[in-house]
Amino acid sequence: MGITEFDLQPLNKIKVPAEYENDVQFYTEAIMKQHEKKRQRLLIEYNELLNLKQVESLQDKKITAQFEKSQDAERTMAGGAADCQYWLAYLANHCRTYELKNGSKLSVAAASKFLQGILIGYRNSGLSMGCMIAGTDTTGQHLYYIDNDGMRLKGDIFSVGSGSTYAYGVLDNHYKYEMSLNEAVELGIRAIYHATHRDTASGGVVRVYHIHQNGWTKVHDGIDVVDLHYQFAQQKGLVGDGDEAKQRLF
């Protein structure tokens, strides 16, 4: 094993006994220990990240269950898990209370406006939220984007969260105004897969809902993006382990 100046950098703070100053074996063992410590630290950080994703996934399922009591609206969220969990649960409770008091369901526009009003009131207080609310009412199907600054937009296609730039890259290339349900579902799956693959904060599963005139239908519930990774790689004639380029070169 050849020793370079870069390898010796972690040892600068170590006081080396005089009798070992020219001992190659001593430096070799010390360097190996430093690399092992770094490897162990990376493994710990990786396990912590996996645990965090699992907790966020469980929290997301709890809120989904609350919204699924209503057959007319769905939501997705990005940002701080605690902020999103609390305020979207609060919104779901408000929608249900309105329905019980008035005998009719709150419109999608009114639900998004209610959440916007809350977030405007808490502007600059440290909330981290990016939400999409989709649903159907007497005026048709609607999609709204709301964030922690109180911005509220209506549109046909949105992507929210730290991985949204990757998802938009897929959507901008393949989205068409007239698409079949299967084409739209496939595009949504690919967009979310690319976001999760390139952005570590974007979770690890894909859930797909179809909003239609009769409410919504759950198309897919929790597709593992690891399975999608190998599936899409095989479609391109690759293995998916990241070593394809090396295999072509050697």
C-alpha atoms as a PDB file:
ATOM      1  CA  MET A   1       0.000   0.000   0.000  1.00  0.00           C
ATOM      2  CA  GLY A   2       1.539   3.318  -1.078  1.00  0.00           C
ATOM      3  CA  ILE A   3       1.290   6.214   1.393  1.00  0.00           C
ATOM      4  CA  THR A   4       0.526   9.689   0.020  1.00  0.00           C
ATOM      5  CA  GLU A   5       0.415  13.129   1.624  1.00  0.00           C
ATOM      6  CA  PHE A   6      -3.396  12.962   1.465  1.00  0.00           C
ATOM      7  CA  ASP A   7      -3.372   9.733   3.491  1.00  0.00           C
ATOM      8  CA  LEU A   8      -1.206  11.351   6.138  1.00  0.00           C
ATOM      9  CA  GLN A   9      -3.523  14.347   6.659  1.00  0.00           C
ATOM     10  CA  PRO A  10      -5.731  12.619   9.289  1.00  0.00           C
ATOM     11  CA  LEU A  11      -2.560  11.782  11.236  1.00  0.00           C
ATOM     12  CA  ASN A  12      -1.348  15.354  11.618  1.00  0.00           C
ATOM     13  CA  LYS A  13      -3.074  15.655  14.993  1.00  0.00           C
ATOM     14  CA  ILE A  14      -1.644  12.367  16.260  1.00  0.00           C
ATOM     15  CA  LYS A  15       1.469  12.569  18.398  1.00  0.00           C
ATOM     16  CA  VAL A  16       3.781   9.958  16.939  1.00  0.00           C
ATOM     17  CA  PRO A  17       6.424   8.482  19.282  1.00  0.00           C
ATOM     18  CA  ALA A  18       9.945   9.172  18.077  1.00  0.00           C
ATOM     19  CA  GLU A  19      10.730   5.469  17.617  1.00  0.00           C
ATOM     20  CA  TYR A  20       7.838   5.147  15.104  1.00  0.00           C
ATOM     21  CA  GLU A  21       8.513   8.260  13.001  1.00  0.00           C
ATOM     22  CA  ASN A  22      10.052   6.238  10.167  1.00  0.00           C
ATOM     23  CA  ASP A  23       8.039   3.070  10.729  1.00  0.00           C
ATOM     24  CA  VAL A  24       5.945   2.416   7.596  1.00  0.00           C
ATOM     25  CA  GLN A  25       3.956  -0.339   9.326  1.00  0.00           C
ATOM     26  CA  PHE A  26       2.874   2.066  12.078  1.00  0.00           C
ATOM     27  CA  TYR A  27       1.585   4.622   9.573  1.00  0.00           C
ATOM     28  CA  THR A  28      -0.138   1.922   7.520  1.00  0.00           C
ATOM     29  CA  GLU A  29      -2.043   0.600  10.551  1.00  0.00           C
ATOM     30  CA  ALA A  30      -2.932   4.125  11.687  1.00  0.00           C
ATOM     31  CA  ILE A  31      -4.289   5.016   8.239  1.00  0.00           C
ATOM     32  CA  MET A  32      -6.353   1.825   8.109  1.00  0.00           C
ATOM     33  CA  LYS A  33      -7.867   2.667  11.500  1.00  0.00           C
ATOM     34  CA  GLN A  34      -8.767   6.155  10.272  1.00  0.00           C
ATOM     35  CA  HIS A  35     -10.490   4.734   7.198  1.00  0.00           C
ATOM     36  CA  GLU A  36     -12.366   2.202   9.340  1.00  0.00           C
ATOM     37  CA  LYS A  37     -13.612   4.988  11.640  1.00  0.00           C
ATOM     38  CA  LYS A  38     -14.825   6.931   8.591  1.00  0.00           C
ATOM     39  CA  ARG A  39     -16.560   3.835   7.206  1.00  0.00           C
ATOM     40  CA  GLN A  40     -18.296   3.175  10.525  1.00  0.00           C
ATOM     41  CA  ARG A  41     -19.409   6.818  10.730  1.00  0.00           C
ATOM     42  CA  LEU A  42     -20.882   6.660   7.221  1.00  0.00           C
ATOM     43  CA  LEU A  43     -22.752   3.452   8.083  1.00  0.00           C
ATOM     44  CA  ILE A  44     -24.230   5.076  11.193  1.00  0.00           C
ATOM     45  CA  GLU A  45     -25.351   8.143   9.194  1.00  0.00           C
ATOM     46  CA  TYR A  46     -26.856   5.886   6.522  1.00  0.00           C
ATOM     47  CA  ASN A  47     -28.812   3.870   9.099  1.00  0.00           C
ATOM     48  CA  GLU A  48     -30.067   7.080  10.729  1.00  0.00           C
ATOM     49  CA  LEU A  49     -31.280   8.288   7.317  1.00  0.00           C
ATOM     50  CA  LEU A  50     -33.130   5.016   6.703  1.00  0.00           C
ATOM     51  CA  ASN A  51     -34.793   5.232  10.120  1.00  0.00           C
ATOM     52  CA  LEU A  52     -35.822   8.839   9.438  1.00  0.00           C
ATOM     53  CA  LYS A  53     -37.398   7.844   6.122  1.00  0.00           C
ATOM     54  CA  GLN A  54     -39.295   5.029   7.832  1.00  0.00           C
ATOM     55  CA  VAL A  55     -40.675   7.378  10.490  1.00  0.00           C
ATOM     56  CA  GLU A  56     -41.708   9.970   7.875  1.00  0.00           C
ATOM     57  CA  SER A  57     -43.390   7.243   5.834  1.00  0.00           C
ATOM     58  CA  LEU A  58     -45.411   6.100   8.868  1.00  0.00           C
ATOM     59  CA  GLN A  59     -46.415   9.695   9.635  1.00  0.00           C
ATOM     60  CA  ASP A  60     -47.516  10.174   6.038  1.00  0.00           C
ATOM     61  CA  LYS A  61     -49.688   7.046   6.225  1.00  0.00           C
ATOM     62  CA  LYS A  62     -51.468   8.401   9.310  1.00  0.00           C
ATOM     63  CA  ILE A  63     -52.425  11.622   7.533  1.00  0.00           C
ATOM     64  CA  THR A  64     -53.410   9.747   4.381  1.00  0.00           C
ATOM     65  CA  ALA A  65     -55.824   7.684   6.460  1.00  0.00           C
ATOM     66  CA  GLN A  66     -57.454  10.860   7.759  1.00  0.00           C
ATOM     67  CA  PHE A  67     -57.936  12.289   4.275  1.00  0.00           C
ATOM     68  CA  GLU A  68     -59.117   8.969   2.890  1.00  0.00           C
ATOM     69  CA  LYS A  69     -62.223   9.248   5.050  1.00  0.00           C
ATOM     70  CA  SER A  70     -63.315  11.799   2.452  1.00  0.00           C
ATOM     71  CA  GLN A  71     -63.838  10.445  -1.055  1.00  0.00           C
ATOM     72  CA  ASP A  72     -63.569  13.872  -2.683  1.00  0.00           C
ATOM     73  CA  ALA A  73     -60.122  15.236  -1.807  1.00  0.00           C
ATOM     74  CA  GLU A  74     -56.521  14.148  -1.498  1.00  0.00           C
ATOM     75  CA  ARG A  75     -53.269  15.891  -0.623  1.00  0.00           C
ATOM     76  CA  THR A  76     -49.513  15.506  -0.822  1.00  0.00           C
ATOM     77  CA  MET A  77     -46.915  17.265   1.263  1.00  0.00           C
ATOM     78  CA  ALA A  78     -43.248  18.229   1.426  1.00  0.00           C
ATOM     79  CA  GLY A  79     -41.105  20.040   3.988  1.00  0.00           C
ATOM     80  CA  GLY A  80     -41.020  19.560   7.731  1.00  0.00           C
ATOM     81  CA  ALA A  81     -42.848  16.331   8.587  1.00  0.00           C
ATOM     82  CA  ALA A  82     -44.189  17.698  11.882  1.00  0.00           C
ATOM     83  CA  ASP A  83     -45.520  20.920  10.309  1.00  0.00           C
ATOM     84  CA  CYS A  84     -47.213  19.066   7.449  1.00  0.00           C
ATOM     85  CA  GLN A  85     -48.608  16.345   9.693  1.00  0.00           C
ATOM     86  CA  TYR A  86     -50.203  18.798  12.097  1.00  0.00           C
ATOM     87  CA  TRP A  87     -51.704  21.321   9.683  1.00  0.00           C
ATOM     88  CA  LEU A  88     -52.959  18.800   7.118  1.00  0.00           C
ATOM     89  CA  ALA A  89     -54.625  16.840   9.920  1.00  0.00           C
ATOM     90  CA  TYR A  90     -56.109  20.146  11.086  1.00  0.00           C
ATOM     91  CA  LEU A  91     -57.387  20.794   7.549  1.00  0.00           C
ATOM     92  CA  ALA A  92     -58.906  17.307   7.333  1.00  0.00           C
ATOM     93  CA  ASN A  93     -60.716  17.901  10.625  1.00  0.00           C
ATOM     94  CA  HIS A  94     -62.001  21.267   9.396  1.00  0.00           C
ATOM     95  CA  CYS A  95     -63.355  19.724   6.186  1.00  0.00           C
ATOM     96  CA  ARG A  96     -65.153  16.992   8.114  1.00  0.00           C
ATOM     97  CA  THR A  97     -66.590  19.458  10.640  1.00  0.00           C
ATOM     98  CA  TYR A  98     -67.870  21.686   7.823  1.00  0.00           C
ATOM     99  CA  GLU A  99     -69.594  18.690   6.213  1.00  0.00           C
ATOM    100  CA  LEU A 100     -71.314  17.700   9.469  1.00  0.00           C
ATOM    101  CA  LYS A 101     -72.502  21.244  10.198  1.00  0.00           C
ATOM    102  CA  ASN A 102     -73.684  22.169   6.695  1.00  0.00           C
ATOM    103  CA  GLY A 103     -74.724  18.862   5.196  1.00  0.00           C
ATOM    104  CA  SER A 104     -72.469  19.435   2.170  1.00  0.00           C
ATOM    105  CA  LYS A 105     -68.782  19.072   1.521  1.00  0.00           C
ATOM    106  CA  LEU A 106     -66.310  21.923   1.420  1.00  0.00           C
ATOM    107  CA  SER A 107     -65.168  22.783  -2.114  1.00  0.00           C
ATOM    108  CA  VAL A 108     -61.570  22.123  -3.105  1.00  0.00           C
ATOM    109  CA  ALA A 109     -60.999  25.853  -3.604  1.00  0.00           C
ATOM    110  CA  ALA A 110     -62.361  26.656  -0.136  1.00  0.00           C
ATOM    111  CA  ALA A 111     -60.238  23.935   1.497  1.00  0.00           C
ATOM    112  CA  SER A 112     -57.075  25.255  -0.156  1.00  0.00           C
ATOM    113  CA  LYS A 113     -58.048  28.821   0.768  1.00  0.00           C
ATOM    114  CA  PHE A 114     -58.547  27.802   4.404  1.00  0.00           C
ATOM    115  CA  LEU A 115     -55.050  26.297   4.548  1.00  0.00           C
ATOM    116  CA  GLN A 116     -53.615  29.373   2.822  1.00  0.00           C
ATOM    117  CA  GLY A 117     -55.163  31.625   5.470  1.00  0.00           C
ATOM    118  CA  ILE A 118     -53.519  29.618   8.236  1.00  0.00           C
ATOM    119  CA  LEU A 119     -50.102  29.721   6.582  1.00  0.00           C
ATOM    120  CA  ILE A 120     -50.336  33.472   5.944  1.00  0.00           C
ATOM    121  CA  GLY A 121     -51.015  33.919   9.654  1.00  0.00           C
ATOM    122  CA  TYR A 122     -47.882  31.934  10.487  1.00  0.00           C
ATOM    123  CA  ARG A 123     -45.686  33.487   7.797  1.00  0.00           C
ATOM    124  CA  ASN A 124     -42.017  33.979   8.823  1.00  0.00           C
ATOM    125  CA  SER A 125     -42.541  31.833  11.916  1.00  0.00           C
ATOM    126  CA  GLY A 126     -40.366  28.961  10.711  1.00  0.00           C
ATOM    127  CA  LEU A 127     -42.930  26.632   9.140  1.00  0.00           C
ATOM    128  CA  SER A 128     -41.648  24.428   6.328  1.00  0.00           C
ATOM    129  CA  MET A 129     -44.506  23.265   4.108  1.00  0.00           C
ATOM    130  CA  GLY A 130     -45.224  22.697   0.452  1.00  0.00           C
ATOM    131  CA  CYS A 131     -48.601  21.112  -0.230  1.00  0.00           C
ATOM    132  CA  MET A 132     -50.755  20.056  -3.135  1.00  0.00           C
ATOM    133  CA  ILE A 133     -54.485  19.628  -2.617  1.00  0.00           C
ATOM    134  CA  ALA A 134     -56.431  17.814  -5.322  1.00  0.00           C
ATOM    135  CA  GLY A 135     -60.082  16.912  -5.370  1.00  0.00           C
ATOM    136  CA  THR A 136     -63.444  17.013  -7.052  1.00  0.00           C
ATOM    137  CA  ASP A 137     -66.564  19.015  -6.239  1.00  0.00           C
ATOM    138  CA  THR A 138     -69.677  20.321  -8.011  1.00  0.00           C
ATOM    139  CA  THR A 139     -67.525  22.423 -10.349  1.00  0.00           C
ATOM    140  CA  GLY A 140     -65.179  19.628 -11.451  1.00  0.00           C
ATOM    141  CA  GLN A 141     -61.687  18.430 -10.594  1.00  0.00           C
ATOM    142  CA  HIS A 142     -59.118  20.877  -9.202  1.00  0.00           C
ATOM    143  CA  LEU A 143     -55.463  20.995  -8.176  1.00  0.00           C
ATOM    144  CA  TYR A 144     -53.932  23.638  -5.891  1.00  0.00           C
ATOM    145  CA  TYR A 145     -50.423  24.334  -4.615  1.00  0.00           C
ATOM    146  CA  ILE A 146     -49.929  26.044  -1.230  1.00  0.00           C
ATOM    147  CA  ASP A 147     -46.662  26.755   0.593  1.00  0.00           C
ATOM    148  CA  ASN A 148     -45.520  28.138   3.955  1.00  0.00           C
ATOM    149  CA  ASP A 149     -45.313  31.706   2.572  1.00  0.00           C
ATOM    150  CA  GLY A 150     -49.037  31.648   1.874  1.00  0.00           C
ATOM    151  CA  MET A 151     -48.666  31.287  -1.887  1.00  0.00           C
ATOM    152  CA  ARG A 152     -51.666  29.551  -3.476  1.00  0.00           C
ATOM    153  CA  LEU A 153     -51.712  28.535  -7.129  1.00  0.00           C
ATOM    154  CA  LYS A 154     -54.203  26.636  -9.238  1.00  0.00           C
ATOM    155  CA  GLY A 155     -52.900  24.527 -12.100  1.00  0.00           C
ATOM    156  CA  ASP A 156     -52.865  21.251 -14.002  1.00  0.00           C
ATOM    157  CA  ILE A 157     -49.455  19.948 -12.928  1.00  0.00           C
ATOM    158  CA  PHE A 158     -47.231  20.627  -9.906  1.00  0.00           C
ATOM    159  CA  SER A 159     -44.228  19.056  -8.222  1.00  0.00           C
ATOM    160  CA  VAL A 160     -43.407  19.923  -4.608  1.00  0.00           C
ATOM    161  CA  GLY A 161     -40.400  19.289  -2.377  1.00  0.00           C
ATOM    162  CA  SER A 162     -36.622  19.084  -2.487  1.00  0.00           C
ATOM    163  CA  GLY A 163     -36.729  16.479  -5.256  1.00  0.00           C
ATOM    164  CA  SER A 164     -39.235  18.430  -7.363  1.00  0.00           C
ATOM    165  CA  THR A 165     -36.605  19.691  -9.817  1.00  0.00           C
ATOM    166  CA  TYR A 166     -35.810  16.109 -10.805  1.00  0.00           C
ATOM    167  CA  ALA A 167     -39.505  15.277 -11.110  1.00  0.00           C
ATOM    168  CA  TYR A 168     -40.106  18.379 -13.236  1.00  0.00           C
ATOM    169  CA  GLY A 169     -37.322  17.248 -15.562  1.00  0.00           C
ATOM    170  CA  VAL A 170     -39.299  14.088 -16.320  1.00  0.00           C
ATOM    171  CA  LEU A 171     -42.666  15.850 -16.458  1.00  0.00           C
ATOM    172  CA  ASP A 172     -41.491  18.616 -18.792  1.00  0.00           C
ATOM    173  CA  ASN A 173     -40.141  16.046 -21.241  1.00  0.00           C
ATOM    174  CA  HIS A 174     -43.057  13.614 -21.313  1.00  0.00           C
ATOM    175  CA  TYR A 175     -46.219  15.416 -20.176  1.00  0.00           C
ATOM    176  CA  LYS A 176     -49.015  15.794 -22.754  1.00  0.00           C
ATOM    177  CA  TYR A 177     -52.339  17.513 -22.271  1.00  0.00           C
ATOM    178  CA  GLU A 178     -54.253  14.498 -23.528  1.00  0.00           C
ATOM    179  CA  MET A 179     -53.020  11.345 -21.827  1.00  0.00           C
ATOM    180  CA  SER A 180     -54.668   8.050 -21.030  1.00  0.00           C
ATOM    181  CA  LEU A 181     -54.950   7.001 -17.394  1.00  0.00           C
ATOM    182  CA  ASN A 182     -52.213   4.382 -17.817  1.00  0.00           C
ATOM    183  CA  GLU A 183     -49.884   6.926 -19.450  1.00  0.00           C
ATOM    184  CA  ALA A 184     -50.490   9.443 -16.663  1.00  0.00           C
ATOM    185  CA  VAL A 185     -49.898   6.839 -13.954  1.00  0.00           C
ATOM    186  CA  GLU A 186     -46.675   5.656 -15.607  1.00  0.00           C
ATOM    187  CA  LEU A 187     -45.436   9.242 -15.958  1.00  0.00           C
ATOM    188  CA  GLY A 188     -46.208   9.987 -12.315  1.00  0.00           C
ATOM    189  CA  ILE A 189     -44.358   6.873 -11.178  1.00  0.00           C
ATOM    190  CA  ARG A 190     -41.285   7.733 -13.258  1.00  0.00           C
ATOM    191  CA  ALA A 191     -41.256  11.343 -12.069  1.00  0.00           C
ATOM    192  CA  ILE A 192     -41.428  10.372  -8.404  1.00  0.00           C
ATOM    193  CA  TYR A 193     -38.875   7.584  -8.878  1.00  0.00           C
ATOM    194  CA  HIS A 194     -36.316   9.993 -10.330  1.00  0.00           C
ATOM    195  CA  ALA A 195     -36.934  12.444  -7.470  1.00  0.00           C
ATOM    196  CA  THR A 196     -36.402   9.755  -4.820  1.00  0.00           C
ATOM    197  CA  HIS A 197     -33.378   8.334  -6.626  1.00  0.00           C
ATOM    198  CA  ARG A 198     -31.540  11.664  -6.847  1.00  0.00           C
ATOM    199  CA  ASP A 199     -32.775  13.307  -3.641  1.00  0.00           C
ATOM    200  CA  THR A 200     -32.270  11.541  -0.308  1.00  0.00           C
ATOM    201  CA  ALA A 201     -35.041  13.555   1.377  1.00  0.00           C
ATOM    202  CA  SER A 202     -37.770  12.451  -1.031  1.00  0.00           C
ATOM    203  CA  GLY A 203     -38.764   9.199   0.644  1.00  0.00           C
ATOM    204  CA  GLY A 204     -38.656   5.660  -0.681  1.00  0.00           C
ATOM    205  CA  VAL A 205     -42.127   4.723  -1.963  1.00  0.00           C
ATOM    206  CA  VAL A 206     -44.514   5.839  -4.708  1.00  0.00           C
ATOM    207  CA  ARG A 207     -48.235   6.280  -4.060  1.00  0.00           C
ATOM    208  CA  VAL A 208     -50.554   7.103  -6.958  1.00  0.00           C
ATOM    209  CA  TYR A 209     -54.130   8.405  -6.725  1.00  0.00           C
ATOM    210  CA  HIS A 210     -56.509   9.070  -9.612  1.00  0.00           C
ATOM    211  CA  ILE A 211     -58.798  12.092  -9.118  1.00  0.00           C
ATOM    212  CA  HIS A 212     -61.990  11.773 -11.169  1.00  0.00           C
ATOM    213  CA  GLN A 213     -65.590  13.043 -11.205  1.00  0.00           C
ATOM    214  CA  ASN A 214     -66.721  10.475  -8.644  1.00  0.00           C
ATOM    215  CA  GLY A 215     -63.937  11.230  -6.170  1.00  0.00           C
ATOM    216  CA  TRP A 216     -60.600   9.454  -6.179  1.00  0.00           C
ATOM    217  CA  THR A 217     -59.200   5.957  -6.600  1.00  0.00           C
ATOM    218  CA  LYS A 218     -55.992   4.609  -5.112  1.00  0.00           C
ATOM    219  CA  VAL A 219     -54.029   3.172  -8.037  1.00  0.00           C
ATOM    220  CA  HIS A 220     -50.798   2.202  -6.258  1.00  0.00           C
ATOM    221  CA  ASP A 221     -50.057   2.184  -2.543  1.00  0.00           C
ATOM    222  CA  GLY A 222     -46.378   2.212  -1.676  1.00  0.00           C
ATOM    223  CA  ILE A 223     -44.322   0.911  -4.620  1.00  0.00           C
ATOM    224  CA  ASP A 224     -40.734   0.491  -3.407  1.00  0.00           C
ATOM    225  CA  VAL A 225     -38.455   2.729  -5.501  1.00  0.00           C
ATOM    226  CA  VAL A 226     -35.661   0.147  -5.205  1.00  0.00           C
ATOM    227  CA  ASP A 227     -37.803  -2.285  -7.195  1.00  0.00           C
ATOM    228  CA  LEU A 228     -38.538   0.476  -9.720  1.00  0.00           C
ATOM    229  CA  HIS A 229     -34.831   1.227 -10.060  1.00  0.00           C
ATOM    230  CA  TYR A 230     -33.979  -2.279 -11.209  1.00  0.00           C
ATOM    231  CA  GLN A 231     -37.129  -2.509 -13.312  1.00  0.00           C
ATOM    232  CA  PHE A 232     -36.292   0.664 -15.259  1.00  0.00           C
ATOM    233  CA  ALA A 233     -32.639  -0.375 -15.560  1.00  0.00           C
ATOM    234  CA  GLN A 234     -33.627  -3.703 -17.119  1.00  0.00           C
ATOM    235  CA  GLN A 235     -35.816  -1.887 -19.630  1.00  0.00           C
ATOM    236  CA  LYS A 236     -32.659  -0.105 -20.818  1.00  0.00           C
ATOM    237  CA  GLY A 237     -30.645  -3.317 -20.922  1.00  0.00           C
ATOM    238  CA  LEU A 238     -28.696  -2.463 -17.771  1.00  0.00           C
ATOM    239  CA  VAL A 239     -28.200  -4.215 -14.451  1.00  0.00           C
ATOM    240  CA  GLY A 240     -28.853  -1.202 -12.225  1.00  0.00           C
ATOM    241  CA  ASP A 241     -25.882  -1.595  -9.872  1.00  0.00           C
ATOM    242  CA  GLY A 242     -24.059   1.491 -11.172  1.00  0.00           C
ATOM    243  CA  ASP A 243     -21.129  -0.475 -12.628  1.00  0.00           C
ATOM    244  CA  GLU A 244     -22.389  -0.673 -16.206  1.00  0.00           C
ATOM    245  CA  ALA A 245     -19.897   1.937 -17.423  1.00  0.00           C
ATOM    246  CA  LYS A 246     -16.989  -0.023 -15.934  1.00  0.00           C
ATOM    247  CA  GLN A 247     -18.246  -3.213 -17.534  1.00  0.00           C
ATOM    248  CA  ARG A 248     -18.304  -1.544 -20.950  1.00  0.00           C
ATOM    249  CA  LEU A 249     -14.792  -0.180 -20.522  1.00  0.00           C
ATOM    250  CA  PHE A 250     -13.084  -3.379 -19.354  1.00  0.00           C
END
